[in-house]
C-alpha atoms as a PDB file:
ATOM      1  CA  THR A   1     -61.278 208.577 167.128  1.00  0.00           C
ATOM      2  CA  THR A   2     -62.207 211.623 169.745  1.00  0.00           C
ATOM      3  CA  VAL A   3     -64.390 209.247 171.882  1.00  0.00           C
ATOM      4  CA  ILE A   4     -61.033 206.769 172.061  1.00  0.00           C
ATOM      5  CA  ASP A   5     -59.181 209.531 172.746  1.00  0.00           C
ATOM      6  CA  SER A   6     -60.996 210.939 175.461  1.00  0.00           C
ATOM      7  CA  VAL A   7     -61.286 207.229 177.330  1.00  0.00           C
ATOM      8  CA  LEU A   8     -57.440 206.639 176.977  1.00  0.00           C
ATOM      9  CA  ALA A   9     -56.970 210.605 178.295  1.00  0.00           C
ATOM     10  CA  LEU A  10     -58.945 210.446 181.319  1.00  0.00           C
ATOM     11  CA  HIS A  11     -57.663 206.474 181.718  1.00  0.00           C
ATOM     12  CA  PRO A  12     -53.900 206.687 181.491  1.00  0.00           C
ATOM     13  CA  GLU A  13     -53.542 203.422 182.535  1.00  0.00           C
ATOM     14  CA  LEU A  14     -55.536 202.041 179.479  1.00  0.00           C
ATOM     15  CA  TYR A  15     -53.696 201.564 176.076  1.00  0.00           C
ATOM     16  CA  TYR A  16     -55.074 201.123 172.859  1.00  0.00           C
ATOM     17  CA  TYR A  17     -55.256 198.305 171.223  1.00  0.00           C
ATOM     18  CA  GLN A  18     -55.890 197.075 167.155  1.00  0.00           C
ATOM     19  CA  GLY A  19     -59.645 196.252 167.081  1.00  0.00           C
ATOM     20  CA  PHE A  20     -61.320 199.029 170.040  1.00  0.00           C
ATOM     21  CA  ASN A  21     -62.176 201.479 167.275  1.00  0.00           C
ATOM     22  CA  ASP A  22     -64.064 198.756 165.577  1.00  0.00           C
ATOM     23  CA  VAL A  23     -65.828 197.984 169.054  1.00  0.00           C
ATOM     24  CA  CYS A  24     -66.261 202.056 169.623  1.00  0.00           C
ATOM     25  CA  SER A  25     -67.301 202.535 165.860  1.00  0.00           C
ATOM     26  CA  VAL A  26     -70.381 200.405 166.320  1.00  0.00           C
ATOM     27  CA  VAL A  27     -71.478 201.779 169.746  1.00  0.00           C
ATOM     28  CA  VAL A  28     -71.201 205.593 167.766  1.00  0.00           C
ATOM     29  CA  TYR A  29     -73.391 203.703 165.689  1.00  0.00           C
ATOM     30  CA  VAL A  30     -76.269 202.721 166.824  1.00  0.00           C
ATOM     31  CA  LEU A  31     -76.283 205.252 169.652  1.00  0.00           C
ATOM     32  CA  ARG A  32     -75.993 207.853 167.160  1.00  0.00           C
ATOM     33  CA  ASP A  33     -77.272 210.784 168.472  1.00  0.00           C
ATOM     34  CA  THR A  34     -76.518 209.648 171.545  1.00  0.00           C
ATOM     35  CA  ASP A  35     -72.746 210.628 173.601  1.00  0.00           C
ATOM     36  CA  PRO A  36     -71.018 207.598 173.001  1.00  0.00           C
ATOM     37  CA  PHE A  37     -68.182 208.021 175.559  1.00  0.00           C
ATOM     38  CA  PRO A  38     -70.057 206.352 178.851  1.00  0.00           C
ATOM     39  CA  VAL A  39     -70.755 203.376 176.802  1.00  0.00           C
ATOM     40  CA  CYS A  40     -66.919 202.968 175.293  1.00  0.00           C
ATOM     41  CA  GLU A  41     -65.317 204.090 178.528  1.00  0.00           C
ATOM     42  CA  ARG A  42     -66.897 201.355 180.245  1.00  0.00           C
ATOM     43  CA  LEU A  43     -66.616 198.644 177.560  1.00  0.00           C
ATOM     44  CA  ALA A  44     -63.557 199.785 177.691  1.00  0.00           C
ATOM     45  CA  LEU A  45     -62.922 199.823 182.033  1.00  0.00           C
ATOM     46  CA  TYR A  46     -64.672 196.388 182.669  1.00  0.00           C
ATOM     47  CA  PHE A  47     -64.838 194.416 179.259  1.00  0.00           C
ATOM     48  CA  PHE A  48     -61.421 194.984 177.428  1.00  0.00           C
ATOM     49  CA  ARG A  49     -59.269 196.212 179.877  1.00  0.00           C
ATOM     50  CA  GLU A  50     -56.738 193.136 179.711  1.00  0.00           C
ATOM     51  CA  ALA A  51     -56.716 193.969 176.483  1.00  0.00           C
ATOM     52  CA  MET A  52     -55.651 197.387 177.042  1.00  0.00           C
ATOM     53  CA  ASN A  53     -53.095 197.313 179.550  1.00  0.00           C
ATOM     54  CA  ARG A  54     -49.526 197.919 178.536  1.00  0.00           C
ATOM     55  CA  SER A  55     -48.649 194.124 177.752  1.00  0.00           C
ATOM     56  CA  LEU A  56     -50.632 191.695 176.378  1.00  0.00           C
ATOM     57  CA  ASN A  57     -49.291 188.819 178.778  1.00  0.00           C
ATOM     58  CA  SER A  58     -52.467 188.486 180.848  1.00  0.00           C
ATOM     59  CA  VAL A  59     -54.493 187.807 177.377  1.00  0.00           C
ATOM     60  CA  GLN A  60     -51.809 185.717 176.557  1.00  0.00           C
ATOM     61  CA  LEU A  61     -52.026 183.936 179.962  1.00  0.00           C
ATOM     62  CA  ALA A  62     -55.881 183.495 179.737  1.00  0.00           C
ATOM     63  CA  LEU A  63     -55.501 182.232 175.582  1.00  0.00           C
ATOM     64  CA  LYS A  64     -53.478 179.289 177.167  1.00  0.00           C
ATOM     65  CA  LEU A  65     -55.760 178.222 180.113  1.00  0.00           C
ATOM     66  CA  ILE A  66     -58.382 178.427 177.294  1.00  0.00           C
ATOM     67  CA  MET A  67     -56.429 175.920 175.047  1.00  0.00           C
ATOM     68  CA  ARG A  68     -56.036 173.609 177.937  1.00  0.00           C
ATOM     69  CA  VAL A  69     -59.898 173.277 178.532  1.00  0.00           C
ATOM     70  CA  VAL A  70     -60.614 172.971 174.713  1.00  0.00           C
ATOM     71  CA  ARG A  71     -57.817 170.325 174.571  1.00  0.00           C
ATOM     72  CA  LYS A  72     -59.252 168.459 177.755  1.00  0.00           C
ATOM     73  CA  ARG A  73     -62.836 168.753 176.118  1.00  0.00           C
ATOM     74  CA  ASP A  74     -62.131 168.324 172.400  1.00  0.00           C
ATOM     75  CA  ALA A  75     -58.821 166.861 171.056  1.00  0.00           C
ATOM     76  CA  LYS A  76     -59.749 167.683 167.505  1.00  0.00           C
ATOM     77  CA  LEU A  77     -61.065 170.821 167.990  1.00  0.00           C
ATOM     78  CA  GLU A  78     -57.744 171.489 169.573  1.00  0.00           C
ATOM     79  CA  ALA A  79     -55.722 170.092 166.495  1.00  0.00           C
ATOM     80  CA  ALA A  80     -57.644 172.011 164.007  1.00  0.00           C
ATOM     81  CA  LEU A  81     -56.991 175.660 166.245  1.00  0.00           C
ATOM     82  CA  ALA A  82     -53.390 174.491 166.621  1.00  0.00           C
ATOM     83  CA  GLU A  83     -52.905 174.332 162.935  1.00  0.00           C
ATOM     84  CA  CYS A  84     -53.873 177.718 162.883  1.00  0.00           C
ATOM     85  CA  GLU A  85     -51.117 179.140 164.897  1.00  0.00           C
END
């Protein structure tokens, strides 16, 4: 949590989302004695930024677009995914 708190304090435009702690935990574990902050910060800024916005509107839009692509490529897969909702 200290790493997460530091990332969020330095970047107030970012908001915590459920699961970022799991990402940071893996980074802390893998890096062991190396400072995990730079890696967690880069992950937040460049890989998880959309999910760390104030709202999840952009993520929801991306998921809708992905479902359209899936529907066009594999109707059976789209139907199976739709059942999961």
